[in-house]
Amino acid sequence: MGWYALFVETGKEELVKNQINNYMNLSDANISYELLIAKREIQERTNGITTKVLKSMFPGYILLRTEQILDFYLKTKGCYHLLNILRNGSYFKEISLQEISKIIYMADEEGIIGSSDVFIENDRIIVTKGPLMNYDGVIKKVDRRKHRVKVLFLFNGQKHFIDLSANFIEKYNDDGQKNEVLFYKK
């Protein structure tokens, strides 16, 4: 099965996903597919109150997994707010496994990338728990105040640096004393 990207009106991703599922349930077509709206859970601070919010990783896109892309397109092209399926010339553009694998690996079954527990030691970011565990990639920026790390994702052949939530933990000595963990920006 290949992965593709549906281009939809920004902010209408959930509406289009539900609409497509309704179309497919009512139709007689036997098309196997999976829809994924990649989201991230981040912390936002408003008026001194910190809350967790869900934000789309790629606003205006729904990820689609299917083997029957042409049949899927023909059945769903009448959906409101669905603009198109990304193409490469006249062919539907399949998303490479390299681009989609990090999203699939980090996201839970609902497509949400949650928070990771991290600490910094000698200019190295060490993840102890969460979706960034075993992540082997680029982290461009660390923002302790906002509890975020800026992580590199490839999508549609372009680099996207996306903020993910991080809980910064402190490292303690064996005697229970807190170590100063310094971070130097390059």
Foldseek 3Di string as FASTA:
>chain_A
DFKWKWFFPFPCVVVLVVVLVVLVVPDPDDWDKDKAFAWEWFWDADPNDIDIDIDTQDTRIIMMDGPPVVVSCVSRVPGPRGDGIPPDVPHRDTKDCQQCVLQVQQADPRNYRYEWEWEAAPQDIDTDDGSCVVPDADFQDDDQVRQWTFGWGADPNDTDTDIHGYDYDFDADPVGHTDDHDHDHD
